[in-house]
Amino acid sequence: MKVSSPVGDFPFEADRLSLEDGRLVVRGSMGAWPARVEVGPEDVPGIVRLIPAPVLAALGLLLLAVLARALGGRGGSDRSAS
């Protein structure tokens, strides 16, 4: 990964991913400095707004297909022979 800033471009190398206090935390280094990135529930709306509409629609359809398959598997082949 690369972090671009007004003072230059720095490589970011992630070392650890964890969940802390309900927040996704990525620890690593940015150049010579240790770095920490936190993503919390309040950040989700802003991140979702960055996703292009066609990608968001495709993800929604995929989720619906997975749910339909999971729900359709209940009792679908449980028919008794007469």
PDB file of N, CA and C in Angstrom:
ATOM      1  N   MET A   1       0.844  -1.169   0.000  1.00  0.00           N
ATOM      2  CA  MET A   1       0.000   0.000   0.000  1.00  0.00           C
ATOM      3  C   MET A   1       0.886   1.228   0.000  1.00  0.00           C
ATOM      4  N   LYS A   2       0.303   2.320  -0.454  1.00  0.00           N
ATOM      5  CA  LYS A   2       1.052   3.577  -0.461  1.00  0.00           C
ATOM      6  C   LYS A   2       0.168   4.675   0.117  1.00  0.00           C
ATOM      7  N   VAL A   3       0.737   5.479   0.957  1.00  0.00           N
ATOM      8  CA  VAL A   3       0.044   6.642   1.518  1.00  0.00           C
ATOM      9  C   VAL A   3       0.661   7.876   0.887  1.00  0.00           C
ATOM     10  N   SER A   4      -0.179   8.666   0.230  1.00  0.00           N
ATOM     11  CA  SER A   4       0.291   9.915  -0.380  1.00  0.00           C
ATOM     12  C   SER A   4      -0.120  11.079   0.501  1.00  0.00           C
ATOM     13  N   SER A   5       0.797  11.997   0.706  1.00  0.00           N
ATOM     14  CA  SER A   5       0.516  13.168   1.532  1.00  0.00           C
ATOM     15  C   SER A   5       1.253  14.365   0.933  1.00  0.00           C
ATOM     16  N   PRO A   6       0.951  15.557   1.427  1.00  0.00           N
ATOM     17  CA  PRO A   6       1.646  16.743   0.921  1.00  0.00           C
ATOM     18  C   PRO A   6       3.162  16.697   1.114  1.00  0.00           C
ATOM     19  N   VAL A   7       3.630  15.897   2.072  1.00  0.00           N
ATOM     20  CA  VAL A   7       5.075  15.836   2.314  1.00  0.00           C
ATOM     21  C   VAL A   7       5.742  14.654   1.623  1.00  0.00           C
ATOM     22  N   GLY A   8       4.974  13.892   0.843  1.00  0.00           N
ATOM     23  CA  GLY A   8       5.568  12.801   0.084  1.00  0.00           C
ATOM     24  C   GLY A   8       4.730  11.543   0.081  1.00  0.00           C
ATOM     25  N   ASP A   9       5.205  10.554  -0.646  1.00  0.00           N
ATOM     26  CA  ASP A   9       4.562   9.251  -0.720  1.00  0.00           C
ATOM     27  C   ASP A   9       5.329   8.277   0.169  1.00  0.00           C
ATOM     28  N   PHE A  10       4.581   7.541   0.987  1.00  0.00           N
ATOM     29  CA  PHE A  10       5.206   6.610   1.912  1.00  0.00           C
ATOM     30  C   PHE A  10       4.574   5.235   1.759  1.00  0.00           C
ATOM     31  N   PRO A  11       5.394   4.189   1.782  1.00  0.00           N
ATOM     32  CA  PRO A  11       4.817   2.844   1.754  1.00  0.00           C
ATOM     33  C   PRO A  11       4.193   2.543   3.112  1.00  0.00           C
ATOM     34  N   PHE A  12       3.042   1.897   3.091  1.00  0.00           N
ATOM     35  CA  PHE A  12       2.418   1.437   4.334  1.00  0.00           C
ATOM     36  C   PHE A  12       2.420  -0.075   4.286  1.00  0.00           C
ATOM     37  N   GLU A  13       3.052  -0.684   5.275  1.00  0.00           N
ATOM     38  CA  GLU A  13       3.087  -2.128   5.356  1.00  0.00           C
ATOM     39  C   GLU A  13       2.308  -2.567   6.583  1.00  0.00           C
ATOM     40  N   ALA A  14       1.202  -3.268   6.342  1.00  0.00           N
ATOM     41  CA  ALA A  14       0.357  -3.739   7.436  1.00  0.00           C
ATOM     42  C   ALA A  14       1.007  -4.953   8.084  1.00  0.00           C
ATOM     43  N   ASP A  15       1.032  -4.959   9.412  1.00  0.00           N
ATOM     44  CA  ASP A  15       1.614  -6.066  10.171  1.00  0.00           C
ATOM     45  C   ASP A  15       0.567  -6.874  10.926  1.00  0.00           C
ATOM     46  N   ARG A  16      -0.520  -6.192  11.333  1.00  0.00           N
ATOM     47  CA  ARG A  16      -1.499  -6.872  12.180  1.00  0.00           C
ATOM     48  C   ARG A  16      -2.875  -6.275  11.978  1.00  0.00           C
ATOM     49  N   LEU A  17      -3.888  -7.129  11.992  1.00  0.00           N
ATOM     50  CA  LEU A  17      -5.274  -6.726  11.878  1.00  0.00           C
ATOM     51  C   LEU A  17      -5.992  -7.266  13.099  1.00  0.00           C
ATOM     52  N   SER A  18      -6.738  -6.397  13.795  1.00  0.00           N
ATOM     53  CA  SER A  18      -7.420  -6.857  14.994  1.00  0.00           C
ATOM     54  C   SER A  18      -8.723  -6.093  15.171  1.00  0.00           C
ATOM     55  N   LEU A  19      -9.555  -6.594  16.075  1.00  0.00           N
ATOM     56  CA  LEU A  19     -10.789  -5.932  16.453  1.00  0.00           C
ATOM     57  C   LEU A  19     -10.619  -5.480  17.896  1.00  0.00           C
ATOM     58  N   GLU A  20     -10.684  -4.170  18.114  1.00  0.00           N
ATOM     59  CA  GLU A  20     -10.490  -3.612  19.456  1.00  0.00           C
ATOM     60  C   GLU A  20     -11.622  -2.656  19.770  1.00  0.00           C
ATOM     61  N   ASP A  21     -12.342  -2.937  20.846  1.00  0.00           N
ATOM     62  CA  ASP A  21     -13.452  -2.087  21.280  1.00  0.00           C
ATOM     63  C   ASP A  21     -14.435  -1.815  20.147  1.00  0.00           C
ATOM     64  N   GLY A  22     -14.731  -2.827  19.351  1.00  0.00           N
ATOM     65  CA  GLY A  22     -15.683  -2.685  18.264  1.00  0.00           C
ATOM     66  C   GLY A  22     -15.157  -1.945  17.047  1.00  0.00           C
ATOM     67  N   ARG A  23     -13.865  -1.751  16.972  1.00  0.00           N
ATOM     68  CA  ARG A  23     -13.248  -1.049  15.853  1.00  0.00           C
ATOM     69  C   ARG A  23     -12.243  -1.966  15.180  1.00  0.00           C
ATOM     70  N   LEU A  24     -12.210  -1.917  13.849  1.00  0.00           N
ATOM     71  CA  LEU A  24     -11.221  -2.654  13.082  1.00  0.00           C
ATOM     72  C   LEU A  24      -9.929  -1.848  13.133  1.00  0.00           C
ATOM     73  N   VAL A  25      -8.841  -2.475  13.569  1.00  0.00           N
ATOM     74  CA  VAL A  25      -7.570  -1.778  13.729  1.00  0.00           C
ATOM     75  C   VAL A  25      -6.499  -2.466  12.878  1.00  0.00           C
ATOM     76  N   VAL A  26      -5.851  -1.674  12.034  1.00  0.00           N
ATOM     77  CA  VAL A  26      -4.739  -2.159  11.224  1.00  0.00           C
ATOM     78  C   VAL A  26      -3.481  -1.490  11.755  1.00  0.00           C
ATOM     79  N   ARG A  27      -2.522  -2.293  12.185  1.00  0.00           N
ATOM     80  CA  ARG A  27      -1.244  -1.759  12.675  1.00  0.00           C
ATOM     81  C   ARG A  27      -0.161  -2.098  11.665  1.00  0.00           C
ATOM     82  N   GLY A  28       0.758  -1.196  11.515  1.00  0.00           N
ATOM     83  CA  GLY A  28       1.851  -1.435  10.592  1.00  0.00           C
ATOM     84  C   GLY A  28       2.845  -0.300  10.662  1.00  0.00           C
ATOM     85  N   SER A  29       3.520  -0.068   9.536  1.00  0.00           N
ATOM     86  CA  SER A  29       4.481   1.026   9.506  1.00  0.00           C
ATOM     87  C   SER A  29       4.313   1.799   8.203  1.00  0.00           C
ATOM     88  N   MET A  30       4.503   3.097   8.320  1.00  0.00           N
ATOM     89  CA  MET A  30       4.448   3.998   7.173  1.00  0.00           C
ATOM     90  C   MET A  30       5.839   4.602   7.055  1.00  0.00           C
ATOM     91  N   GLY A  31       6.605   4.033   6.143  1.00  0.00           N
ATOM     92  CA  GLY A  31       7.993   4.452   6.072  1.00  0.00           C
ATOM     93  C   GLY A  31       8.697   4.013   7.336  1.00  0.00           C
ATOM     94  N   ALA A  32       9.318   4.949   8.025  1.00  0.00           N
ATOM     95  CA  ALA A  32      10.052   4.635   9.251  1.00  0.00           C
ATOM     96  C   ALA A  32       9.185   4.725  10.502  1.00  0.00           C
ATOM     97  N   TRP A  33       7.915   5.182  10.366  1.00  0.00           N
ATOM     98  CA  TRP A  33       7.079   5.425  11.532  1.00  0.00           C
ATOM     99  C   TRP A  33       6.040   4.342  11.729  1.00  0.00           C
ATOM    100  N   PRO A  34       5.810   3.963  13.011  1.00  0.00           N
ATOM    101  CA  PRO A  34       4.711   3.041  13.283  1.00  0.00           C
ATOM    102  C   PRO A  34       3.392   3.758  12.965  1.00  0.00           C
ATOM    103  N   ALA A  35       2.421   3.008  12.471  1.00  0.00           N
ATOM    104  CA  ALA A  35       1.135   3.612  12.113  1.00  0.00           C
ATOM    105  C   ALA A  35      -0.004   2.711  12.566  1.00  0.00           C
ATOM    106  N   ARG A  36      -1.146   3.339  12.796  1.00  0.00           N
ATOM    107  CA  ARG A  36      -2.342   2.625  13.243  1.00  0.00           C
ATOM    108  C   ARG A  36      -3.526   3.243  12.519  1.00  0.00           C
ATOM    109  N   VAL A  37      -4.347   2.405  11.908  1.00  0.00           N
ATOM    110  CA  VAL A  37      -5.556   2.852  11.216  1.00  0.00           C
ATOM    111  C   VAL A  37      -6.741   2.211  11.924  1.00  0.00           C
ATOM    112  N   GLU A  38      -7.718   3.024  12.318  1.00  0.00           N
ATOM    113  CA  GLU A  38      -8.911   2.521  12.994  1.00  0.00           C
ATOM    114  C   GLU A  38     -10.134   2.809  12.142  1.00  0.00           C
ATOM    115  N   VAL A  39     -11.007   1.805  12.031  1.00  0.00           N
ATOM    116  CA  VAL A  39     -12.275   1.967  11.325  1.00  0.00           C
ATOM    117  C   VAL A  39     -13.369   1.532  12.285  1.00  0.00           C
ATOM    118  N   GLY A  40     -14.273   2.456  12.590  1.00  0.00           N
ATOM    119  CA  GLY A  40     -15.369   2.164  13.497  1.00  0.00           C
ATOM    120  C   GLY A  40     -16.708   2.188  12.784  1.00  0.00           C
ATOM    121  N   PRO A  41     -17.757   1.826  13.489  1.00  0.00           N
ATOM    122  CA  PRO A  41     -19.089   1.808  12.881  1.00  0.00           C
ATOM    123  C   PRO A  41     -19.496   3.159  12.293  1.00  0.00           C
ATOM    124  N   GLU A  42     -19.043   4.230  12.897  1.00  0.00           N
ATOM    125  CA  GLU A  42     -19.399   5.563  12.390  1.00  0.00           C
ATOM    126  C   GLU A  42     -18.731   5.869  11.052  1.00  0.00           C
ATOM    127  N   ASP A  43     -17.724   5.098  10.685  1.00  0.00           N
ATOM    128  CA  ASP A  43     -17.031   5.299   9.412  1.00  0.00           C
ATOM    129  C   ASP A  43     -17.701   4.582   8.244  1.00  0.00           C
ATOM    130  N   VAL A  44     -18.585   3.624   8.543  1.00  0.00           N
ATOM    131  CA  VAL A  44     -19.195   2.802   7.493  1.00  0.00           C
ATOM    132  C   VAL A  44     -19.977   3.629   6.472  1.00  0.00           C
ATOM    133  N   PRO A  45     -20.834   4.574   6.874  1.00  0.00           N
ATOM    134  CA  PRO A  45     -21.566   5.345   5.853  1.00  0.00           C
ATOM    135  C   PRO A  45     -20.645   6.082   4.874  1.00  0.00           C
ATOM    136  N   GLY A  46     -19.569   6.636   5.361  1.00  0.00           N
ATOM    137  CA  GLY A  46     -18.629   7.327   4.494  1.00  0.00           C
ATOM    138  C   GLY A  46     -17.928   6.385   3.536  1.00  0.00           C
ATOM    139  N   ILE A  47     -17.615   5.188   4.004  1.00  0.00           N
ATOM    140  CA  ILE A  47     -16.965   4.198   3.150  1.00  0.00           C
ATOM    141  C   ILE A  47     -17.947   3.692   2.090  1.00  0.00           C
ATOM    142  N   VAL A  48     -19.200   3.445   2.498  1.00  0.00           N
ATOM    143  CA  VAL A  48     -20.210   2.959   1.553  1.00  0.00           C
ATOM    144  C   VAL A  48     -20.441   3.985   0.450  1.00  0.00           C
ATOM    145  N   ARG A  49     -20.405   5.269   0.782  1.00  0.00           N
ATOM    146  CA  ARG A  49     -20.599   6.317  -0.234  1.00  0.00           C
ATOM    147  C   ARG A  49     -19.490   6.304  -1.282  1.00  0.00           C
ATOM    148  N   LEU A  50     -18.342   5.751  -0.958  1.00  0.00           N
ATOM    149  CA  LEU A  50     -17.234   5.684  -1.904  1.00  0.00           C
ATOM    150  C   LEU A  50     -17.368   4.538  -2.903  1.00  0.00           C
ATOM    151  N   ILE A  51     -18.243   3.578  -2.608  1.00  0.00           N
ATOM    152  CA  ILE A  51     -18.413   2.419  -3.482  1.00  0.00           C
ATOM    153  C   ILE A  51     -19.295   2.822  -4.664  1.00  0.00           C
ATOM    154  N   PRO A  52     -18.832   2.606  -5.901  1.00  0.00           N
ATOM    155  CA  PRO A  52     -19.649   2.945  -7.073  1.00  0.00           C
ATOM    156  C   PRO A  52     -20.981   2.188  -7.060  1.00  0.00           C
ATOM    157  N   ALA A  53     -22.050   2.836  -7.521  1.00  0.00           N
ATOM    158  CA  ALA A  53     -23.392   2.265  -7.494  1.00  0.00           C
ATOM    159  C   ALA A  53     -23.464   0.879  -8.141  1.00  0.00           C
ATOM    160  N   PRO A  54     -22.843   0.645  -9.311  1.00  0.00           N
ATOM    161  CA  PRO A  54     -22.939  -0.708  -9.894  1.00  0.00           C
ATOM    162  C   PRO A  54     -22.311  -1.790  -9.009  1.00  0.00           C
ATOM    163  N   VAL A  55     -21.231  -1.462  -8.343  1.00  0.00           N
ATOM    164  CA  VAL A  55     -20.581  -2.432  -7.448  1.00  0.00           C
ATOM    165  C   VAL A  55     -21.475  -2.688  -6.241  1.00  0.00           C
ATOM    166  N   LEU A  56     -22.057  -1.633  -5.692  1.00  0.00           N
ATOM    167  CA  LEU A  56     -22.953  -1.765  -4.555  1.00  0.00           C
ATOM    168  C   LEU A  56     -24.170  -2.608  -4.934  1.00  0.00           C
ATOM    169  N   ALA A  57     -24.730  -2.384  -6.137  1.00  0.00           N
ATOM    170  CA  ALA A  57     -25.873  -3.165  -6.606  1.00  0.00           C
ATOM    171  C   ALA A  57     -25.488  -4.634  -6.760  1.00  0.00           C
ATOM    172  N   ALA A  58     -24.309  -4.907  -7.308  1.00  0.00           N
ATOM    173  CA  ALA A  58     -23.849  -6.290  -7.486  1.00  0.00           C
ATOM    174  C   ALA A  58     -23.677  -6.976  -6.131  1.00  0.00           C
ATOM    175  N   LEU A  59     -23.139  -6.263  -5.163  1.00  0.00           N
ATOM    176  CA  LEU A  59     -22.985  -6.836  -3.819  1.00  0.00           C
ATOM    177  C   LEU A  59     -24.348  -7.134  -3.194  1.00  0.00           C
ATOM    178  N   GLY A  60     -25.303  -6.234  -3.410  1.00  0.00           N
ATOM    179  CA  GLY A  60     -26.660  -6.450  -2.906  1.00  0.00           C
ATOM    180  C   GLY A  60     -27.301  -7.679  -3.525  1.00  0.00           C
ATOM    181  N   LEU A  61     -27.137  -7.839  -4.851  1.00  0.00           N
ATOM    182  CA  LEU A  61     -27.687  -9.018  -5.531  1.00  0.00           C
ATOM    183  C   LEU A  61     -27.018 -10.299  -5.049  1.00  0.00           C
ATOM    184  N   LEU A  62     -25.721 -10.238  -4.830  1.00  0.00           N
ATOM    185  CA  LEU A  62     -25.005 -11.397  -4.317  1.00  0.00           C
ATOM    186  C   LEU A  62     -25.518 -11.778  -2.928  1.00  0.00           C
ATOM    187  N   LEU A  63     -25.733 -10.797  -2.093  1.00  0.00           N
ATOM    188  CA  LEU A  63     -26.257 -11.055  -0.752  1.00  0.00           C
ATOM    189  C   LEU A  63     -27.647 -11.679  -0.826  1.00  0.00           C
ATOM    190  N   LEU A  64     -28.502 -11.150  -1.716  1.00  0.00           N
ATOM    191  CA  LEU A  64     -29.843 -11.722  -1.884  1.00  0.00           C
ATOM    192  C   LEU A  64     -29.773 -13.168  -2.371  1.00  0.00           C
ATOM    193  N   ALA A  65     -28.877 -13.457  -3.299  1.00  0.00           N
ATOM    194  CA  ALA A  65     -28.729 -14.823  -3.812  1.00  0.00           C
ATOM    195  C   ALA A  65     -28.282 -15.771  -2.707  1.00  0.00           C
ATOM    196  N   VAL A  66     -27.344 -15.331  -1.884  1.00  0.00           N
ATOM    197  CA  VAL A  66     -26.870 -16.167  -0.779  1.00  0.00           C
ATOM    198  C   VAL A  66     -27.994 -16.418   0.216  1.00  0.00           C
ATOM    199  N   LEU A  67     -28.761 -15.374   0.542  1.00  0.00           N
ATOM    200  CA  LEU A  67     -29.882 -15.535   1.471  1.00  0.00           C
ATOM    201  C   LEU A  67     -30.952 -16.443   0.889  1.00  0.00           C
ATOM    202  N   ALA A  68     -31.266 -16.286  -0.392  1.00  0.00           N
ATOM    203  CA  ALA A  68     -32.287 -17.121  -1.033  1.00  0.00           C
ATOM    204  C   ALA A  68     -31.856 -18.581  -1.031  1.00  0.00           C
ATOM    205  N   ARG A  69     -30.592 -18.824  -1.297  1.00  0.00           N
ATOM    206  CA  ARG A  69     -30.104 -20.206  -1.296  1.00  0.00           C
ATOM    207  C   ARG A  69     -30.155 -20.799   0.107  1.00  0.00           C
ATOM    208  N   ALA A  70     -29.761 -19.986   1.093  1.00  0.00           N
ATOM    209  CA  ALA A  70     -29.773 -20.476   2.475  1.00  0.00           C
ATOM    210  C   ALA A  70     -31.202 -20.776   2.935  1.00  0.00           C
ATOM    211  N   LEU A  71     -32.138 -19.907   2.611  1.00  0.00           N
ATOM    212  CA  LEU A  71     -33.527 -20.106   3.021  1.00  0.00           C
ATOM    213  C   LEU A  71     -34.206 -21.175   2.183  1.00  0.00           C
ATOM    214  N   GLY A  72     -33.836 -21.291   0.914  1.00  0.00           N
ATOM    215  CA  GLY A  72     -34.422 -22.291   0.022  1.00  0.00           C
ATOM    216  C   GLY A  72     -34.009 -23.700   0.375  1.00  0.00           C
ATOM    217  N   GLY A  73     -32.913 -23.846   1.076  1.00  0.00           N
ATOM    218  CA  GLY A  73     -32.433 -25.167   1.456  1.00  0.00           C
ATOM    219  C   GLY A  73     -33.208 -25.775   2.599  1.00  0.00           C
ATOM    220  N   ARG A  74     -34.070 -25.018   3.226  1.00  0.00           N
ATOM    221  CA  ARG A  74     -34.834 -25.522   4.381  1.00  0.00           C
ATOM    222  C   ARG A  74     -36.057 -26.297   3.907  1.00  0.00           C
ATOM    223  N   GLY A  75     -36.038 -27.587   4.095  1.00  0.00           N
ATOM    224  CA  GLY A  75     -37.213 -28.403   3.811  1.00  0.00           C
ATOM    225  C   GLY A  75     -37.522 -28.572   2.339  1.00  0.00           C
ATOM    226  N   GLY A  76     -36.690 -28.103   1.444  1.00  0.00           N
ATOM    227  CA  GLY A  76     -36.966 -28.194   0.025  1.00  0.00           C
ATOM    228  C   GLY A  76     -36.977 -29.616  -0.499  1.00  0.00           C
ATOM    229  N   SER A  77     -36.169 -30.510   0.043  1.00  0.00           N
ATOM    230  CA  SER A  77     -36.121 -31.894  -0.437  1.00  0.00           C
ATOM    231  C   SER A  77     -36.671 -32.857   0.585  1.00  0.00           C
ATOM    232  N   ASP A  78     -37.436 -32.368   1.514  1.00  0.00           N
ATOM    233  CA  ASP A  78     -37.998 -33.198   2.583  1.00  0.00           C
ATOM    234  C   ASP A  78     -39.435 -33.564   2.247  1.00  0.00           C
ATOM    235  N   ARG A  79     -39.624 -34.236   1.120  1.00  0.00           N
ATOM    236  CA  ARG A  79     -40.979 -34.649   0.701  1.00  0.00           C
ATOM    237  C   ARG A  79     -41.113 -36.143   0.935  1.00  0.00           C
ATOM    238  N   SER A  80     -42.234 -36.528   1.472  1.00  0.00           N
ATOM    239  CA  SER A  80     -42.439 -37.955   1.709  1.00  0.00           C
ATOM    240  C   SER A  80     -43.125 -38.576   0.496  1.00  0.00           C
ATOM    241  N   ALA A  81     -42.728 -39.814   0.175  1.00  0.00           N
ATOM    242  CA  ALA A  81     -43.294 -40.532  -0.968  1.00  0.00           C
ATOM    243  C   ALA A  81     -44.656 -41.066  -0.623  1.00  0.00           C
ATOM    244  N   SER A  82     -45.607 -41.011  -1.560  1.00  0.00           N
ATOM    245  CA  SER A  82     -46.963 -41.513  -1.310  1.00  0.00           C
ATOM    246  C   SER A  82     -47.101 -42.933  -1.756  1.00  0.00           C
TER     247      SER A  82
END
